[in-house]
Amino acid sequence: MSKRDFKDYICRPFCKFFREGHKEEMACRGASVIEHMVQSGLLNPPAMPQTGKSSHLWDQRDPGLEVCVCRHCEFRAEGCDFQSPNRPPDAEPCGGYILLSLLMEQGMLTLSNIEEMCSA
């Protein structure tokens, strides 16, 4: 998987950590799960939301996403503020987490869809 394949519909619109030209080979676990869903035909990028980033999506951490996505994310080991026990008030999750939350909110995905991809 190449970050160039999904940066336009995950990273640029949803991730505050994305920096064009920096660490292009890296991807959060949420982005990897979404990309796997795209490759398997479960999601179609043109049909996905292009905007909709709002803190209501992550004000309350989703335990299902935490287990399936966050627990296995390489960025968590590097010090993810969003998953920190002493989370700063302005902490924001990665773009993958945000887009997964938005897709669930809009009924395009269920937690079971995500869990299936995480276990695949």
N, C-alpha and C. Protein backbone atom coordinates (compact mmCIF):
# COMPACT_ATOMS: atom_id res chain seq x y z
N MET A 1 0.85 -1.17 0.00
CA MET A 1 0.00 0.00 0.00
C MET A 1 0.89 1.23 0.00
N SER A 2 0.56 2.18 -0.82
CA SER A 2 1.31 3.42 -0.90
C SER A 2 0.46 4.55 -0.36
N LYS A 3 1.05 5.39 0.46
CA LYS A 3 0.29 6.49 1.02
C LYS A 3 -0.26 7.39 -0.08
N ARG A 4 0.42 7.44 -1.21
CA ARG A 4 -0.05 8.25 -2.33
C ARG A 4 -1.42 7.78 -2.84
N ASP A 5 -1.76 6.53 -2.61
CA ASP A 5 -3.04 5.99 -3.06
C ASP A 5 -4.22 6.53 -2.26
N PHE A 6 -4.00 6.92 -1.04
CA PHE A 6 -5.13 7.32 -0.21
C PHE A 6 -4.97 8.67 0.49
N LYS A 7 -3.88 9.35 0.28
CA LYS A 7 -3.70 10.62 1.00
C LYS A 7 -4.74 11.66 0.62
N ASP A 8 -5.28 11.57 -0.61
CA ASP A 8 -6.27 12.55 -1.04
C ASP A 8 -7.62 12.39 -0.34
N TYR A 9 -7.99 11.17 0.06
CA TYR A 9 -9.30 11.00 0.67
C TYR A 9 -9.23 10.65 2.16
N ILE A 10 -8.05 10.50 2.72
CA ILE A 10 -7.93 10.28 4.16
C ILE A 10 -7.06 11.37 4.79
N CYS A 11 -5.84 11.43 4.36
CA CYS A 11 -4.84 12.27 5.03
C CYS A 11 -5.11 13.77 4.89
N ARG A 12 -5.17 14.26 3.65
CA ARG A 12 -5.35 15.70 3.45
C ARG A 12 -6.61 16.25 4.10
N PRO A 13 -7.77 15.64 3.87
CA PRO A 13 -8.97 16.26 4.44
C PRO A 13 -9.20 16.00 5.93
N PHE A 14 -8.61 14.95 6.49
CA PHE A 14 -8.98 14.58 7.85
C PHE A 14 -7.84 14.58 8.88
N CYS A 15 -6.60 14.58 8.46
CA CYS A 15 -5.50 14.39 9.41
C CYS A 15 -4.70 15.67 9.65
N LYS A 16 -4.72 16.14 10.87
CA LYS A 16 -3.95 17.34 11.19
C LYS A 16 -2.45 17.05 11.24
N PHE A 17 -2.08 15.80 11.27
CA PHE A 17 -0.66 15.42 11.34
C PHE A 17 -0.03 15.26 9.96
N PHE A 18 -0.85 15.22 8.92
CA PHE A 18 -0.33 15.02 7.56
C PHE A 18 0.47 16.24 7.12
N ARG A 19 1.67 15.97 6.64
CA ARG A 19 2.54 17.01 6.08
C ARG A 19 3.02 16.52 4.72
N GLU A 20 2.63 17.22 3.69
CA GLU A 20 3.01 16.86 2.32
C GLU A 20 4.53 16.69 2.23
N GLY A 21 4.95 15.55 1.72
CA GLY A 21 6.37 15.30 1.50
C GLY A 21 7.13 14.78 2.71
N HIS A 22 6.47 14.61 3.86
CA HIS A 22 7.12 14.12 5.07
C HIS A 22 6.57 12.75 5.44
N LYS A 23 7.45 11.80 5.64
CA LYS A 23 7.07 10.46 6.07
C LYS A 23 5.97 9.87 5.19
N GLU A 24 6.11 10.04 3.88
CA GLU A 24 5.10 9.58 2.93
C GLU A 24 4.84 8.08 3.02
N GLU A 25 5.83 7.32 3.47
CA GLU A 25 5.66 5.88 3.52
C GLU A 25 4.89 5.42 4.75
N MET A 26 4.66 6.32 5.70
CA MET A 26 3.98 5.94 6.94
C MET A 26 2.47 6.17 6.82
N ALA A 27 1.72 5.35 7.52
CA ALA A 27 0.27 5.50 7.57
C ALA A 27 -0.23 5.04 8.93
N CYS A 28 -1.24 5.73 9.43
CA CYS A 28 -1.84 5.30 10.69
C CYS A 28 -2.61 4.01 10.46
N ARG A 29 -2.92 3.33 11.52
CA ARG A 29 -3.66 2.07 11.42
C ARG A 29 -5.05 2.28 10.83
N GLY A 30 -5.69 3.39 11.18
CA GLY A 30 -7.01 3.69 10.62
C GLY A 30 -6.96 3.81 9.11
N ALA A 31 -5.95 4.49 8.59
CA ALA A 31 -5.80 4.63 7.14
C ALA A 31 -5.56 3.27 6.50
N SER A 32 -4.78 2.43 7.15
CA SER A 32 -4.51 1.09 6.62
C SER A 32 -5.80 0.26 6.55
N VAL A 33 -6.62 0.37 7.58
CA VAL A 33 -7.89 -0.38 7.60
C VAL A 33 -8.81 0.13 6.49
N ILE A 34 -8.90 1.44 6.33
CA ILE A 34 -9.74 2.01 5.27
C ILE A 34 -9.23 1.57 3.90
N GLU A 35 -7.93 1.63 3.71
CA GLU A 35 -7.37 1.24 2.42
C GLU A 35 -7.67 -0.25 2.13
N HIS A 36 -7.61 -1.08 3.15
CA HIS A 36 -7.94 -2.50 2.98
C HIS A 36 -9.42 -2.65 2.57
N MET A 37 -10.29 -1.83 3.16
CA MET A 37 -11.71 -1.86 2.80
C MET A 37 -11.92 -1.42 1.36
N VAL A 38 -11.15 -0.42 0.93
CA VAL A 38 -11.25 0.04 -0.46
C VAL A 38 -10.79 -1.07 -1.40
N GLN A 39 -9.66 -1.68 -1.09
CA GLN A 39 -9.12 -2.74 -1.94
C GLN A 39 -10.05 -3.95 -2.00
N SER A 40 -10.79 -4.21 -0.92
CA SER A 40 -11.70 -5.35 -0.91
C SER A 40 -13.08 -5.02 -1.50
N GLY A 41 -13.29 -3.76 -1.86
CA GLY A 41 -14.55 -3.35 -2.46
C GLY A 41 -15.63 -2.94 -1.49
N LEU A 42 -15.33 -2.93 -0.19
CA LEU A 42 -16.33 -2.52 0.80
C LEU A 42 -16.58 -1.02 0.76
N LEU A 43 -15.56 -0.25 0.43
CA LEU A 43 -15.69 1.21 0.33
C LEU A 43 -15.25 1.68 -1.05
N ASN A 44 -15.90 2.74 -1.52
CA ASN A 44 -15.56 3.37 -2.79
C ASN A 44 -15.16 4.81 -2.49
N PRO A 45 -13.90 5.18 -2.69
CA PRO A 45 -13.45 6.52 -2.33
C PRO A 45 -14.31 7.67 -2.83
N PRO A 46 -14.78 7.68 -4.09
CA PRO A 46 -15.62 8.81 -4.52
C PRO A 46 -16.93 8.93 -3.74
N ALA A 47 -17.41 7.83 -3.16
CA ALA A 47 -18.67 7.86 -2.41
C ALA A 47 -18.46 8.24 -0.94
N MET A 48 -17.21 8.28 -0.50
CA MET A 48 -16.93 8.60 0.90
C MET A 48 -16.98 10.10 1.12
N PRO A 49 -17.26 10.52 2.36
CA PRO A 49 -17.27 11.95 2.67
C PRO A 49 -15.90 12.58 2.39
N GLN A 50 -15.93 13.77 1.85
CA GLN A 50 -14.69 14.49 1.58
C GLN A 50 -14.38 15.50 2.68
N THR A 51 -15.38 15.80 3.49
CA THR A 51 -15.22 16.70 4.63
C THR A 51 -16.13 16.20 5.73
N GLY A 52 -16.14 16.90 6.83
CA GLY A 52 -17.01 16.52 7.92
C GLY A 52 -16.25 16.33 9.22
N LYS A 53 -15.01 16.82 9.23
CA LYS A 53 -14.19 16.70 10.43
C LYS A 53 -14.79 17.57 11.52
N SER A 54 -15.16 16.96 12.62
CA SER A 54 -15.76 17.68 13.73
C SER A 54 -15.44 16.96 15.03
N SER A 55 -15.12 17.71 16.06
CA SER A 55 -14.70 17.10 17.32
C SER A 55 -15.78 16.22 17.94
N HIS A 56 -17.04 16.37 17.55
CA HIS A 56 -18.07 15.49 18.12
C HIS A 56 -17.80 14.03 17.76
N LEU A 57 -17.03 13.81 16.69
CA LEU A 57 -16.70 12.44 16.28
C LEU A 57 -15.75 11.76 17.26
N TRP A 58 -15.00 12.54 18.01
CA TRP A 58 -14.02 11.93 18.90
C TRP A 58 -14.07 12.47 20.33
N ASP A 59 -15.08 13.26 20.65
CA ASP A 59 -15.19 13.74 22.03
C ASP A 59 -15.19 12.58 23.01
N GLN A 60 -15.92 11.55 22.68
CA GLN A 60 -15.92 10.32 23.47
C GLN A 60 -15.19 9.26 22.65
N ARG A 61 -14.10 8.77 23.15
CA ARG A 61 -13.35 7.74 22.42
C ARG A 61 -14.22 6.51 22.23
N ASP A 62 -14.17 5.95 21.04
CA ASP A 62 -14.95 4.76 20.72
C ASP A 62 -14.17 3.53 21.15
N PRO A 63 -14.66 2.77 22.14
CA PRO A 63 -13.93 1.59 22.62
C PRO A 63 -13.67 0.56 21.52
N GLY A 64 -14.60 0.41 20.58
CA GLY A 64 -14.41 -0.55 19.49
C GLY A 64 -13.27 -0.14 18.58
N LEU A 65 -13.20 1.14 18.25
CA LEU A 65 -12.10 1.63 17.41
C LEU A 65 -10.78 1.56 18.17
N GLU A 66 -10.84 1.83 19.45
CA GLU A 66 -9.61 1.75 20.25
C GLU A 66 -9.02 0.35 20.22
N VAL A 67 -9.87 -0.66 20.38
CA VAL A 67 -9.39 -2.04 20.41
C VAL A 67 -8.88 -2.46 19.04
N CYS A 68 -9.66 -2.19 18.01
CA CYS A 68 -9.35 -2.69 16.68
C CYS A 68 -8.29 -1.85 15.96
N VAL A 69 -8.35 -0.56 16.10
CA VAL A 69 -7.48 0.33 15.34
C VAL A 69 -6.34 0.88 16.20
N CYS A 70 -6.67 1.59 17.24
CA CYS A 70 -5.65 2.30 18.01
C CYS A 70 -4.63 1.37 18.69
N ARG A 71 -5.11 0.29 19.24
CA ARG A 71 -4.22 -0.62 19.96
C ARG A 71 -3.10 -1.16 19.07
N HIS A 72 -3.35 -1.24 17.76
CA HIS A 72 -2.38 -1.81 16.83
C HIS A 72 -1.67 -0.76 15.98
N CYS A 73 -1.85 0.50 16.30
CA CYS A 73 -1.28 1.58 15.49
C CYS A 73 0.16 1.88 15.90
N GLU A 74 1.04 1.95 14.91
CA GLU A 74 2.45 2.21 15.22
C GLU A 74 2.64 3.62 15.81
N PHE A 75 1.75 4.54 15.52
CA PHE A 75 1.90 5.89 16.07
C PHE A 75 1.57 5.94 17.56
N ARG A 76 0.79 5.00 18.04
CA ARG A 76 0.48 4.97 19.47
C ARG A 76 1.76 4.75 20.27
N ALA A 77 2.63 3.88 19.75
CA ALA A 77 3.90 3.60 20.43
C ALA A 77 4.80 4.83 20.44
N GLU A 78 4.60 5.73 19.48
CA GLU A 78 5.41 6.95 19.40
C GLU A 78 4.85 8.06 20.28
N GLY A 79 3.77 7.82 20.97
CA GLY A 79 3.23 8.83 21.88
C GLY A 79 2.00 9.53 21.33
N CYS A 80 0.95 8.80 21.09
CA CYS A 80 -0.30 9.37 20.59
C CYS A 80 -0.99 10.16 21.70
N ASP A 81 -1.09 11.47 21.54
CA ASP A 81 -1.75 12.31 22.55
C ASP A 81 -3.22 11.94 22.72
N PHE A 82 -3.87 11.55 21.63
CA PHE A 82 -5.29 11.22 21.70
C PHE A 82 -5.54 10.01 22.59
N GLN A 83 -4.64 9.06 22.58
CA GLN A 83 -4.80 7.85 23.39
C GLN A 83 -4.13 7.96 24.76
N SER A 84 -3.53 9.08 25.03
CA SER A 84 -2.85 9.27 26.31
C SER A 84 -3.86 9.26 27.46
N PRO A 85 -3.50 8.65 28.59
CA PRO A 85 -4.40 8.69 29.75
C PRO A 85 -4.64 10.13 30.22
N ASN A 86 -3.68 11.00 29.99
CA ASN A 86 -3.81 12.42 30.35
C ASN A 86 -3.97 13.25 29.08
N ARG A 87 -4.96 12.89 28.30
CA ARG A 87 -5.18 13.51 27.00
C ARG A 87 -5.35 15.02 27.12
N PRO A 88 -4.54 15.78 26.36
CA PRO A 88 -4.73 17.23 26.34
C PRO A 88 -6.10 17.58 25.74
N PRO A 89 -6.69 18.68 26.16
CA PRO A 89 -8.03 19.03 25.68
C PRO A 89 -8.12 19.22 24.16
N ASP A 90 -7.02 19.61 23.53
CA ASP A 90 -7.04 19.85 22.09
C ASP A 90 -6.53 18.65 21.29
N ALA A 91 -6.34 17.50 21.93
CA ALA A 91 -5.83 16.32 21.24
C ALA A 91 -6.84 15.85 20.20
N GLU A 92 -6.32 15.53 19.04
CA GLU A 92 -7.15 15.09 17.93
C GLU A 92 -6.63 13.74 17.45
N PRO A 93 -7.52 12.82 17.10
CA PRO A 93 -7.05 11.53 16.59
C PRO A 93 -6.51 11.66 15.17
N CYS A 94 -5.98 10.58 14.67
CA CYS A 94 -5.46 10.55 13.30
C CYS A 94 -6.62 10.64 12.30
N GLY A 95 -6.27 10.92 11.07
CA GLY A 95 -7.28 11.03 10.03
C GLY A 95 -8.04 9.74 9.79
N GLY A 96 -7.37 8.61 9.93
CA GLY A 96 -8.05 7.32 9.76
C GLY A 96 -9.14 7.12 10.80
N TYR A 97 -8.85 7.44 12.06
CA TYR A 97 -9.84 7.33 13.13
C TYR A 97 -11.02 8.25 12.84
N ILE A 98 -10.72 9.48 12.42
CA ILE A 98 -11.78 10.45 12.15
C ILE A 98 -12.67 9.95 11.01
N LEU A 99 -12.06 9.50 9.92
CA LEU A 99 -12.86 9.05 8.79
C LEU A 99 -13.66 7.79 9.14
N LEU A 100 -13.07 6.86 9.87
CA LEU A 100 -13.83 5.68 10.30
C LEU A 100 -15.02 6.09 11.15
N SER A 101 -14.82 7.03 12.06
CA SER A 101 -15.92 7.52 12.91
C SER A 101 -17.01 8.16 12.07
N LEU A 102 -16.62 8.95 11.09
CA LEU A 102 -17.58 9.61 10.21
C LEU A 102 -18.34 8.60 9.37
N LEU A 103 -17.64 7.61 8.84
CA LEU A 103 -18.30 6.57 8.05
C LEU A 103 -19.30 5.78 8.89
N MET A 104 -18.97 5.52 10.15
CA MET A 104 -19.93 4.83 11.04
C MET A 104 -21.12 5.74 11.33
N GLU A 105 -20.84 7.01 11.61
CA GLU A 105 -21.93 7.95 11.91
C GLU A 105 -22.90 8.07 10.74
N GLN A 106 -22.38 8.03 9.52
CA GLN A 106 -23.22 8.18 8.33
C GLN A 106 -23.83 6.84 7.88
N GLY A 107 -23.55 5.76 8.61
CA GLY A 107 -24.13 4.47 8.29
C GLY A 107 -23.48 3.75 7.12
N MET A 108 -22.31 4.22 6.70
CA MET A 108 -21.61 3.57 5.59
C MET A 108 -20.79 2.38 6.06
N LEU A 109 -20.51 2.32 7.36
CA LEU A 109 -19.75 1.21 7.97
C LEU A 109 -20.34 0.92 9.33
N THR A 110 -20.11 -0.30 9.78
CA THR A 110 -20.45 -0.66 11.16
C THR A 110 -19.15 -1.06 11.85
N LEU A 111 -19.19 -1.12 13.14
CA LEU A 111 -18.02 -1.58 13.88
C LEU A 111 -17.67 -3.00 13.47
N SER A 112 -18.68 -3.83 13.17
CA SER A 112 -18.36 -5.20 12.74
C SER A 112 -17.62 -5.22 11.41
N ASN A 113 -17.93 -4.29 10.49
CA ASN A 113 -17.17 -4.18 9.24
C ASN A 113 -15.69 -3.91 9.55
N ILE A 114 -15.48 -3.00 10.47
CA ILE A 114 -14.11 -2.60 10.82
C ILE A 114 -13.39 -3.75 11.51
N GLU A 115 -14.08 -4.41 12.43
CA GLU A 115 -13.47 -5.55 13.14
C GLU A 115 -13.10 -6.66 12.17
N GLU A 116 -13.94 -6.90 11.16
CA GLU A 116 -13.63 -7.92 10.16
C GLU A 116 -12.34 -7.58 9.41
N MET A 117 -12.18 -6.31 9.04
CA MET A 117 -10.98 -5.89 8.31
C MET A 117 -9.74 -5.94 9.20
N CYS A 118 -9.94 -5.65 10.47
CA CYS A 118 -8.81 -5.66 11.39
C CYS A 118 -8.30 -7.09 11.62
N SER A 119 -9.21 -8.04 11.56
CA SER A 119 -8.81 -9.42 11.81
C SER A 119 -8.36 -10.13 10.53
N ALA A 120 -8.58 -9.50 9.40
CA ALA A 120 -8.21 -10.12 8.10
C ALA A 120 -6.71 -10.07 7.87
